[in-house]
Amino acid sequence: MKIAKYVLVAACSAVVLIGCGGKEEKKKEGFSYEKKTEVVKTVESNANDVVITGNDAMQFNKTEIKVKAGEKIKITLKHIGKMDKNVMGHNFVLLKKGVSVSAFGNKAATAKASDYIPENGKDVIAHTGLVGAGETSIVEFDAPEPGTYDFLCSFPGHYAMMKGKLIVE
């Protein structure tokens, strides 16, 4: 009986040693664990190509965007949630200087026919279309004069959480 116990313990130990890498790993020729830096060349990258995501928790992934005055800006809005635009639609709306976010948001809530852009966009510099789950909308425009501008989602009730600043230098 004692011998059987020792054989069983020895067999279990051998299995554990082999399973845990009891063998020494051989390094492959030319392989190194050293971190090497790689030079990556980009072809015409534009810092003013901005991707903003909106989700089902009424959040933009960015609350601040910085650009230079007069430069072309491309805003790509992606809805990464699962809800339809009739329930959880999002847009990106850049307001003119001095326009109140809350006053605009309240007016926008009643402008369903124009995708929540009230008064033919008289207070708006640029805006995307309204998007739902998995959809994307793009708007391109020239950056206005230097200053700080508010952006928001004008879907009813979203402006309280989905807002940010465009800083033009």
N, C-alpha and C. Protein backbone atom coordinates (compact mmCIF):
# COMPACT_ATOMS: atom_id res chain seq x y z
N MET A 1 0.82 -1.19 0.00
CA MET A 1 0.00 0.00 0.00
C MET A 1 0.87 1.25 0.00
N LYS A 2 1.95 1.26 0.83
CA LYS A 2 2.83 2.41 0.89
C LYS A 2 3.50 2.64 -0.46
N ILE A 3 3.89 1.57 -1.12
CA ILE A 3 4.56 1.69 -2.41
C ILE A 3 3.59 2.29 -3.43
N ALA A 4 2.34 1.88 -3.42
CA ALA A 4 1.34 2.41 -4.36
C ALA A 4 1.15 3.91 -4.14
N LYS A 5 1.17 4.34 -2.86
CA LYS A 5 1.04 5.77 -2.56
C LYS A 5 2.20 6.55 -3.16
N TYR A 6 3.43 6.03 -2.97
CA TYR A 6 4.62 6.72 -3.48
C TYR A 6 4.61 6.77 -5.01
N VAL A 7 4.17 5.68 -5.63
CA VAL A 7 4.10 5.64 -7.10
C VAL A 7 3.07 6.66 -7.58
N LEU A 8 1.93 6.73 -6.89
CA LEU A 8 0.88 7.69 -7.25
C LEU A 8 1.38 9.13 -7.08
N VAL A 9 2.08 9.43 -5.99
CA VAL A 9 2.61 10.77 -5.75
C VAL A 9 3.66 11.10 -6.80
N ALA A 10 4.53 10.15 -7.13
CA ALA A 10 5.57 10.38 -8.13
C ALA A 10 4.94 10.62 -9.50
N ALA A 11 3.92 9.87 -9.84
CA ALA A 11 3.25 10.03 -11.14
C ALA A 11 2.58 11.40 -11.22
N CYS A 12 1.91 11.81 -10.14
CA CYS A 12 1.26 13.13 -10.12
C CYS A 12 2.29 14.24 -10.23
N SER A 13 3.41 14.09 -9.55
CA SER A 13 4.47 15.10 -9.61
C SER A 13 5.03 15.22 -11.02
N ALA A 14 5.21 14.09 -11.68
CA ALA A 14 5.73 14.11 -13.05
C ALA A 14 4.75 14.83 -13.99
N VAL A 15 3.46 14.56 -13.82
CA VAL A 15 2.44 15.22 -14.65
C VAL A 15 2.46 16.72 -14.41
N VAL A 16 2.57 17.13 -13.14
CA VAL A 16 2.59 18.55 -12.81
C VAL A 16 3.83 19.21 -13.42
N LEU A 17 4.99 18.57 -13.29
CA LEU A 17 6.23 19.14 -13.84
C LEU A 17 6.15 19.31 -15.36
N ILE A 18 5.66 18.30 -16.02
CA ILE A 18 5.56 18.37 -17.49
C ILE A 18 4.52 19.40 -17.90
N GLY A 19 3.38 19.42 -17.22
CA GLY A 19 2.31 20.37 -17.54
C GLY A 19 2.69 21.81 -17.26
N CYS A 20 3.57 22.04 -16.29
CA CYS A 20 3.97 23.39 -15.93
C CYS A 20 5.21 23.84 -16.67
N GLY A 21 5.62 23.09 -17.64
CA GLY A 21 6.77 23.53 -18.43
C GLY A 21 8.06 23.08 -17.80
N GLY A 22 8.13 21.84 -17.37
CA GLY A 22 9.34 21.30 -16.79
C GLY A 22 10.49 21.34 -17.76
N LYS A 23 10.20 21.40 -19.05
CA LYS A 23 11.25 21.49 -20.06
C LYS A 23 11.65 22.94 -20.23
N GLU A 24 12.89 23.12 -20.59
CA GLU A 24 13.38 24.48 -20.82
C GLU A 24 13.05 24.85 -22.26
N GLU A 25 12.45 26.05 -22.46
CA GLU A 25 12.12 26.49 -23.81
C GLU A 25 13.38 26.95 -24.52
N LYS A 26 13.49 26.56 -25.77
CA LYS A 26 14.62 27.01 -26.56
C LYS A 26 14.22 28.27 -27.30
N LYS A 27 15.11 29.25 -27.31
CA LYS A 27 14.84 30.48 -28.05
C LYS A 27 15.05 30.21 -29.53
N LYS A 28 14.16 30.78 -30.32
CA LYS A 28 14.30 30.66 -31.76
C LYS A 28 15.40 31.59 -32.23
N GLU A 29 16.08 31.16 -33.27
CA GLU A 29 17.13 31.99 -33.85
C GLU A 29 16.55 33.33 -34.27
N GLY A 30 17.22 34.38 -33.88
CA GLY A 30 16.80 35.71 -34.32
C GLY A 30 15.65 36.29 -33.51
N PHE A 31 15.11 35.55 -32.58
CA PHE A 31 13.99 36.04 -31.78
C PHE A 31 14.54 36.73 -30.54
N SER A 32 13.96 37.86 -30.18
CA SER A 32 14.42 38.61 -29.03
C SER A 32 13.23 39.14 -28.26
N TYR A 33 13.36 39.20 -26.95
CA TYR A 33 12.30 39.75 -26.11
C TYR A 33 12.43 41.25 -25.97
N GLU A 34 13.45 41.83 -26.56
CA GLU A 34 13.67 43.27 -26.46
C GLU A 34 12.61 44.00 -27.26
N LYS A 35 12.14 45.11 -26.71
CA LYS A 35 11.15 45.94 -27.41
C LYS A 35 11.87 46.75 -28.48
N LYS A 36 11.39 46.64 -29.69
CA LYS A 36 11.98 47.40 -30.79
C LYS A 36 10.97 48.43 -31.25
N THR A 37 11.45 49.60 -31.58
CA THR A 37 10.55 50.62 -32.10
C THR A 37 10.53 50.54 -33.61
N GLU A 38 9.39 50.79 -34.15
CA GLU A 38 9.21 50.69 -35.59
C GLU A 38 8.77 52.04 -36.13
N VAL A 39 9.36 52.45 -37.20
CA VAL A 39 8.99 53.72 -37.81
C VAL A 39 7.83 53.45 -38.75
N VAL A 40 6.72 54.15 -38.51
CA VAL A 40 5.54 53.98 -39.34
C VAL A 40 5.33 55.28 -40.11
N LYS A 41 5.27 55.17 -41.42
CA LYS A 41 5.04 56.35 -42.24
C LYS A 41 3.54 56.45 -42.52
N THR A 42 3.01 57.63 -42.29
CA THR A 42 1.60 57.83 -42.58
C THR A 42 1.46 58.61 -43.87
N VAL A 43 0.46 58.26 -44.60
CA VAL A 43 0.22 58.95 -45.86
C VAL A 43 -0.87 59.97 -45.63
N GLU A 44 -0.50 61.22 -45.65
CA GLU A 44 -1.42 62.35 -45.56
C GLU A 44 -2.44 62.19 -44.43
N SER A 45 -1.98 62.24 -43.21
CA SER A 45 -2.88 62.16 -42.06
C SER A 45 -3.35 63.57 -41.71
N ASN A 46 -4.62 63.72 -41.45
CA ASN A 46 -5.15 65.04 -41.14
C ASN A 46 -5.65 65.04 -39.70
N ALA A 47 -5.04 65.88 -38.86
CA ALA A 47 -5.42 65.95 -37.45
C ALA A 47 -6.84 66.47 -37.30
N ASN A 48 -7.39 67.08 -38.34
CA ASN A 48 -8.74 67.62 -38.26
C ASN A 48 -9.80 66.63 -38.73
N ASP A 49 -9.42 65.37 -38.94
CA ASP A 49 -10.39 64.31 -39.20
C ASP A 49 -10.73 63.71 -37.84
N VAL A 50 -11.89 64.06 -37.31
CA VAL A 50 -12.26 63.68 -35.95
C VAL A 50 -13.39 62.65 -36.00
N VAL A 51 -13.21 61.56 -35.28
CA VAL A 51 -14.26 60.54 -35.17
C VAL A 51 -14.83 60.63 -33.76
N ILE A 52 -16.13 60.81 -33.70
CA ILE A 52 -16.84 60.88 -32.42
C ILE A 52 -17.84 59.74 -32.39
N THR A 53 -17.89 59.05 -31.27
CA THR A 53 -18.89 57.99 -31.13
C THR A 53 -19.94 58.41 -30.12
N GLY A 54 -21.15 57.94 -30.35
CA GLY A 54 -22.26 58.12 -29.42
C GLY A 54 -22.80 56.75 -29.09
N ASN A 55 -23.24 56.55 -27.84
CA ASN A 55 -23.70 55.22 -27.45
C ASN A 55 -25.11 55.27 -26.84
N ASP A 56 -25.60 54.12 -26.42
CA ASP A 56 -26.94 54.02 -25.85
C ASP A 56 -27.03 54.61 -24.44
N ALA A 57 -25.91 54.97 -23.84
CA ALA A 57 -25.90 55.60 -22.52
C ALA A 57 -25.84 57.13 -22.66
N MET A 58 -26.15 57.64 -23.84
CA MET A 58 -26.14 59.08 -24.13
C MET A 58 -24.79 59.72 -23.79
N GLN A 59 -23.74 59.18 -24.39
CA GLN A 59 -22.41 59.72 -24.16
C GLN A 59 -21.65 59.85 -25.48
N PHE A 60 -20.96 60.98 -25.64
CA PHE A 60 -19.97 61.12 -26.70
C PHE A 60 -18.65 60.62 -26.12
N ASN A 61 -17.77 60.10 -26.95
CA ASN A 61 -16.45 59.69 -26.46
C ASN A 61 -15.48 60.86 -26.37
N LYS A 62 -15.85 62.01 -26.92
CA LYS A 62 -15.01 63.21 -26.86
C LYS A 62 -15.84 64.37 -26.33
N THR A 63 -15.22 65.17 -25.47
CA THR A 63 -15.90 66.37 -24.99
C THR A 63 -15.11 67.63 -25.34
N GLU A 64 -13.97 67.43 -26.01
CA GLU A 64 -13.18 68.58 -26.44
C GLU A 64 -12.47 68.26 -27.75
N ILE A 65 -12.52 69.22 -28.67
CA ILE A 65 -11.84 69.10 -29.95
C ILE A 65 -11.08 70.41 -30.17
N LYS A 66 -9.81 70.31 -30.55
CA LYS A 66 -9.00 71.51 -30.82
C LYS A 66 -8.61 71.54 -32.29
N VAL A 67 -8.80 72.72 -32.91
CA VAL A 67 -8.43 72.91 -34.32
C VAL A 67 -7.89 74.32 -34.52
N LYS A 68 -7.36 74.56 -35.68
CA LYS A 68 -6.85 75.90 -36.03
C LYS A 68 -7.90 76.61 -36.89
N ALA A 69 -8.01 77.90 -36.70
CA ALA A 69 -8.99 78.71 -37.43
C ALA A 69 -8.78 78.58 -38.94
N GLY A 70 -9.88 78.49 -39.66
CA GLY A 70 -9.86 78.45 -41.11
C GLY A 70 -9.54 77.10 -41.73
N GLU A 71 -9.09 76.13 -40.94
CA GLU A 71 -8.76 74.81 -41.49
C GLU A 71 -10.02 73.99 -41.72
N LYS A 72 -9.95 73.09 -42.68
CA LYS A 72 -11.05 72.18 -42.99
C LYS A 72 -11.15 71.15 -41.86
N ILE A 73 -12.37 70.91 -41.39
CA ILE A 73 -12.62 69.92 -40.34
C ILE A 73 -13.59 68.88 -40.89
N LYS A 74 -13.31 67.64 -40.60
CA LYS A 74 -14.21 66.56 -40.98
C LYS A 74 -14.61 65.83 -39.69
N ILE A 75 -15.88 65.87 -39.37
CA ILE A 75 -16.41 65.19 -38.18
C ILE A 75 -17.17 63.96 -38.67
N THR A 76 -16.76 62.80 -38.17
CA THR A 76 -17.46 61.54 -38.46
C THR A 76 -18.13 61.09 -37.18
N LEU A 77 -19.44 61.02 -37.19
CA LEU A 77 -20.20 60.57 -36.02
C LEU A 77 -20.62 59.12 -36.24
N LYS A 78 -20.25 58.25 -35.30
CA LYS A 78 -20.62 56.83 -35.37
C LYS A 78 -21.48 56.48 -34.16
N HIS A 79 -22.62 55.87 -34.41
CA HIS A 79 -23.50 55.40 -33.32
C HIS A 79 -23.09 53.97 -33.01
N ILE A 80 -22.48 53.77 -31.85
CA ILE A 80 -21.97 52.44 -31.51
C ILE A 80 -22.93 51.65 -30.62
N GLY A 81 -24.11 52.21 -30.39
CA GLY A 81 -25.10 51.51 -29.57
C GLY A 81 -25.91 50.53 -30.40
N LYS A 82 -26.98 50.03 -29.81
CA LYS A 82 -27.83 49.03 -30.47
C LYS A 82 -29.25 49.55 -30.72
N MET A 83 -29.56 50.76 -30.26
CA MET A 83 -30.93 51.27 -30.36
C MET A 83 -31.14 52.09 -31.64
N ASP A 84 -32.37 52.03 -32.13
CA ASP A 84 -32.76 52.73 -33.35
C ASP A 84 -32.75 54.25 -33.16
N LYS A 85 -32.62 54.98 -34.25
CA LYS A 85 -32.56 56.44 -34.13
C LYS A 85 -33.87 57.07 -33.69
N ASN A 86 -34.98 56.36 -33.81
CA ASN A 86 -36.26 56.89 -33.31
C ASN A 86 -36.33 56.86 -31.79
N VAL A 87 -35.50 56.03 -31.17
CA VAL A 87 -35.49 55.88 -29.72
C VAL A 87 -34.24 56.52 -29.11
N MET A 88 -33.09 56.34 -29.75
CA MET A 88 -31.81 56.81 -29.21
C MET A 88 -30.95 57.37 -30.34
N GLY A 89 -31.53 58.31 -31.08
CA GLY A 89 -30.80 58.94 -32.18
C GLY A 89 -29.75 59.92 -31.67
N HIS A 90 -28.69 60.06 -32.46
CA HIS A 90 -27.63 61.01 -32.12
C HIS A 90 -27.25 61.84 -33.34
N ASN A 91 -26.82 63.06 -33.09
CA ASN A 91 -26.23 63.90 -34.12
C ASN A 91 -25.15 64.75 -33.46
N PHE A 92 -24.36 65.39 -34.29
CA PHE A 92 -23.34 66.33 -33.82
C PHE A 92 -23.77 67.68 -34.34
N VAL A 93 -23.98 68.64 -33.43
CA VAL A 93 -24.42 69.97 -33.81
C VAL A 93 -23.44 70.97 -33.21
N LEU A 94 -22.80 71.77 -34.06
CA LEU A 94 -21.88 72.81 -33.60
C LEU A 94 -22.61 74.14 -33.63
N LEU A 95 -22.71 74.76 -32.45
CA LEU A 95 -23.46 76.01 -32.32
C LEU A 95 -22.58 77.22 -32.58
N LYS A 96 -23.24 78.30 -33.03
CA LYS A 96 -22.54 79.57 -33.19
C LYS A 96 -22.18 80.10 -31.80
N LYS A 97 -21.19 80.99 -31.77
CA LYS A 97 -20.75 81.59 -30.51
C LYS A 97 -21.92 82.31 -29.83
N GLY A 98 -22.03 82.11 -28.52
CA GLY A 98 -23.04 82.82 -27.75
C GLY A 98 -24.40 82.16 -27.70
N VAL A 99 -24.62 81.08 -28.44
CA VAL A 99 -25.92 80.39 -28.41
C VAL A 99 -25.97 79.51 -27.17
N SER A 100 -27.03 79.63 -26.40
CA SER A 100 -27.20 78.84 -25.18
C SER A 100 -27.51 77.38 -25.52
N VAL A 101 -26.73 76.48 -24.93
CA VAL A 101 -26.93 75.04 -25.17
C VAL A 101 -28.32 74.62 -24.71
N SER A 102 -28.73 75.05 -23.52
CA SER A 102 -30.03 74.61 -23.00
C SER A 102 -31.19 75.21 -23.80
N ALA A 103 -31.10 76.48 -24.18
CA ALA A 103 -32.17 77.08 -24.98
C ALA A 103 -32.27 76.40 -26.34
N PHE A 104 -31.12 76.14 -26.96
CA PHE A 104 -31.12 75.45 -28.26
C PHE A 104 -31.67 74.04 -28.10
N GLY A 105 -31.21 73.32 -27.06
CA GLY A 105 -31.68 71.95 -26.83
C GLY A 105 -33.18 71.87 -26.62
N ASN A 106 -33.74 72.84 -25.91
CA ASN A 106 -35.19 72.86 -25.69
C ASN A 106 -35.95 73.12 -26.98
N LYS A 107 -35.45 74.06 -27.82
CA LYS A 107 -36.10 74.31 -29.12
C LYS A 107 -35.96 73.09 -30.02
N ALA A 108 -34.80 72.44 -29.98
CA ALA A 108 -34.54 71.29 -30.85
C ALA A 108 -35.49 70.13 -30.55
N ALA A 109 -35.87 69.98 -29.29
CA ALA A 109 -36.74 68.87 -28.91
C ALA A 109 -38.07 68.88 -29.64
N THR A 110 -38.48 70.04 -30.13
CA THR A 110 -39.78 70.14 -30.82
C THR A 110 -39.62 70.11 -32.35
N ALA A 111 -38.39 69.92 -32.83
CA ALA A 111 -38.13 69.99 -34.27
C ALA A 111 -37.88 68.62 -34.88
N LYS A 112 -38.76 67.67 -34.60
CA LYS A 112 -38.58 66.30 -35.10
C LYS A 112 -38.55 66.26 -36.63
N ALA A 113 -39.36 67.04 -37.28
CA ALA A 113 -39.45 67.01 -38.75
C ALA A 113 -38.12 67.38 -39.43
N SER A 114 -37.29 68.16 -38.73
CA SER A 114 -36.00 68.57 -39.31
C SER A 114 -34.84 67.90 -38.57
N ASP A 115 -35.05 66.67 -38.10
CA ASP A 115 -34.04 65.91 -37.36
C ASP A 115 -33.49 66.69 -36.18
N TYR A 116 -34.36 67.42 -35.50
CA TYR A 116 -34.06 68.15 -34.27
C TYR A 116 -33.06 69.29 -34.47
N ILE A 117 -33.12 69.92 -35.64
CA ILE A 117 -32.36 71.14 -35.92
C ILE A 117 -33.40 72.24 -36.10
N PRO A 118 -33.63 73.07 -35.07
CA PRO A 118 -34.72 74.07 -35.13
C PRO A 118 -34.38 75.29 -35.99
N GLU A 119 -35.42 75.98 -36.40
CA GLU A 119 -35.33 77.27 -37.11
C GLU A 119 -34.36 77.25 -38.29
N ASN A 120 -34.45 76.19 -39.09
CA ASN A 120 -33.60 76.06 -40.28
C ASN A 120 -32.12 76.20 -39.98
N GLY A 121 -31.70 75.91 -38.77
CA GLY A 121 -30.28 75.93 -38.42
C GLY A 121 -29.67 77.30 -38.28
N LYS A 122 -30.46 78.32 -37.95
CA LYS A 122 -29.92 79.69 -37.87
C LYS A 122 -28.87 79.85 -36.76
N ASP A 123 -28.88 78.99 -35.74
CA ASP A 123 -27.91 79.06 -34.65
C ASP A 123 -26.77 78.04 -34.81
N VAL A 124 -26.71 77.40 -35.97
CA VAL A 124 -25.80 76.26 -36.18
C VAL A 124 -24.71 76.59 -37.21
N ILE A 125 -23.48 76.20 -36.89
CA ILE A 125 -22.38 76.32 -37.84
C ILE A 125 -22.37 75.10 -38.75
N ALA A 126 -22.50 73.92 -38.16
CA ALA A 126 -22.50 72.67 -38.93
C ALA A 126 -23.17 71.58 -38.11
N HIS A 127 -23.70 70.57 -38.80
CA HIS A 127 -24.30 69.43 -38.10
C HIS A 127 -24.30 68.20 -38.98
N THR A 128 -24.29 67.04 -38.33
CA THR A 128 -24.41 65.77 -39.05
C THR A 128 -25.90 65.44 -39.15
N GLY A 129 -26.18 64.37 -39.86
CA GLY A 129 -27.53 63.84 -39.87
C GLY A 129 -27.76 63.06 -38.58
N LEU A 130 -28.98 62.67 -38.35
CA LEU A 130 -29.35 61.88 -37.18
C LEU A 130 -29.04 60.42 -37.47
N VAL A 131 -28.34 59.74 -36.55
CA VAL A 131 -27.97 58.34 -36.76
C VAL A 131 -28.48 57.46 -35.63
N GLY A 132 -28.72 56.20 -35.98
CA GLY A 132 -29.11 55.18 -35.02
C GLY A 132 -28.05 54.08 -34.99
N ALA A 133 -28.35 53.00 -34.33
CA ALA A 133 -27.42 51.89 -34.14
C ALA A 133 -26.67 51.51 -35.41
N GLY A 134 -25.34 51.53 -35.32
CA GLY A 134 -24.50 51.10 -36.43
C GLY A 134 -24.37 52.09 -37.58
N GLU A 135 -25.03 53.22 -37.50
CA GLU A 135 -24.98 54.19 -38.59
C GLU A 135 -23.89 55.24 -38.36
N THR A 136 -23.49 55.88 -39.46
CA THR A 136 -22.45 56.90 -39.44
C THR A 136 -22.91 58.09 -40.27
N SER A 137 -22.55 59.29 -39.85
CA SER A 137 -22.83 60.50 -40.61
C SER A 137 -21.59 61.39 -40.55
N ILE A 138 -21.30 62.05 -41.66
CA ILE A 138 -20.10 62.88 -41.77
C ILE A 138 -20.49 64.30 -42.16
N VAL A 139 -19.81 65.28 -41.55
CA VAL A 139 -19.98 66.68 -41.94
C VAL A 139 -18.58 67.29 -42.07
N GLU A 140 -18.40 68.09 -43.12
CA GLU A 140 -17.14 68.80 -43.33
C GLU A 140 -17.43 70.29 -43.38
N PHE A 141 -16.55 71.08 -42.75
CA PHE A 141 -16.73 72.53 -42.73
C PHE A 141 -15.40 73.19 -42.40
N ASP A 142 -15.32 74.49 -42.63
CA ASP A 142 -14.13 75.25 -42.27
C ASP A 142 -14.28 75.74 -40.83
N ALA A 143 -13.19 75.61 -40.07
CA ALA A 143 -13.21 76.06 -38.68
C ALA A 143 -13.51 77.56 -38.64
N PRO A 144 -14.37 77.97 -37.72
CA PRO A 144 -14.69 79.40 -37.59
C PRO A 144 -13.52 80.18 -36.99
N GLU A 145 -13.75 81.44 -36.69
CA GLU A 145 -12.72 82.29 -36.09
C GLU A 145 -12.35 81.77 -34.71
N PRO A 146 -11.16 82.14 -34.21
CA PRO A 146 -10.72 81.64 -32.90
C PRO A 146 -11.75 81.90 -31.80
N GLY A 147 -11.85 80.95 -30.90
CA GLY A 147 -12.79 81.03 -29.79
C GLY A 147 -13.22 79.64 -29.36
N THR A 148 -14.15 79.59 -28.44
CA THR A 148 -14.68 78.32 -27.94
C THR A 148 -16.15 78.21 -28.34
N TYR A 149 -16.49 77.09 -28.95
CA TYR A 149 -17.83 76.85 -29.46
C TYR A 149 -18.38 75.58 -28.82
N ASP A 150 -19.68 75.58 -28.54
CA ASP A 150 -20.34 74.41 -27.96
C ASP A 150 -20.80 73.47 -29.06
N PHE A 151 -20.65 72.16 -28.79
CA PHE A 151 -21.30 71.16 -29.65
C PHE A 151 -22.14 70.25 -28.77
N LEU A 152 -23.16 69.64 -29.38
CA LEU A 152 -24.10 68.82 -28.62
C LEU A 152 -24.83 67.86 -29.53
N CYS A 153 -25.56 66.96 -28.91
CA CYS A 153 -26.52 66.12 -29.62
C CYS A 153 -27.88 66.75 -29.35
N SER A 154 -28.63 67.05 -30.42
CA SER A 154 -29.89 67.77 -30.24
C SER A 154 -31.12 66.86 -30.14
N PHE A 155 -30.92 65.54 -30.10
CA PHE A 155 -32.05 64.62 -29.87
C PHE A 155 -32.66 64.99 -28.51
N PRO A 156 -33.99 64.94 -28.37
CA PRO A 156 -34.64 65.39 -27.13
C PRO A 156 -34.01 64.83 -25.85
N GLY A 157 -33.58 65.76 -25.00
CA GLY A 157 -33.03 65.41 -23.70
C GLY A 157 -31.55 65.03 -23.68
N HIS A 158 -30.94 64.84 -24.83
CA HIS A 158 -29.56 64.38 -24.87
C HIS A 158 -28.54 65.47 -24.57
N TYR A 159 -28.87 66.73 -24.87
CA TYR A 159 -27.89 67.81 -24.75
C TYR A 159 -27.33 67.96 -23.34
N ALA A 160 -28.07 67.51 -22.34
CA ALA A 160 -27.59 67.65 -20.95
C ALA A 160 -26.34 66.82 -20.70
N MET A 161 -26.21 65.70 -21.40
CA MET A 161 -25.05 64.82 -21.21
C MET A 161 -24.13 64.78 -22.43
N MET A 162 -24.70 64.92 -23.60
CA MET A 162 -23.92 64.78 -24.84
C MET A 162 -23.55 66.16 -25.36
N LYS A 163 -22.46 66.68 -24.82
CA LYS A 163 -22.04 68.02 -25.22
C LYS A 163 -20.53 68.14 -25.03
N GLY A 164 -19.99 69.18 -25.64
CA GLY A 164 -18.56 69.39 -25.51
C GLY A 164 -18.17 70.75 -26.09
N LYS A 165 -16.87 70.97 -26.22
CA LYS A 165 -16.34 72.25 -26.70
C LYS A 165 -15.45 72.03 -27.90
N LEU A 166 -15.63 72.88 -28.91
CA LEU A 166 -14.70 72.97 -30.03
C LEU A 166 -13.86 74.21 -29.75
N ILE A 167 -12.57 74.01 -29.58
CA ILE A 167 -11.67 75.11 -29.29
C ILE A 167 -10.90 75.44 -30.56
N VAL A 168 -11.12 76.65 -31.06
CA VAL A 168 -10.48 77.09 -32.30
C VAL A 168 -9.36 78.05 -31.92
N GLU A 169 -8.14 77.71 -32.31
CA GLU A 169 -6.96 78.52 -31.96
C GLU A 169 -6.53 79.38 -33.13
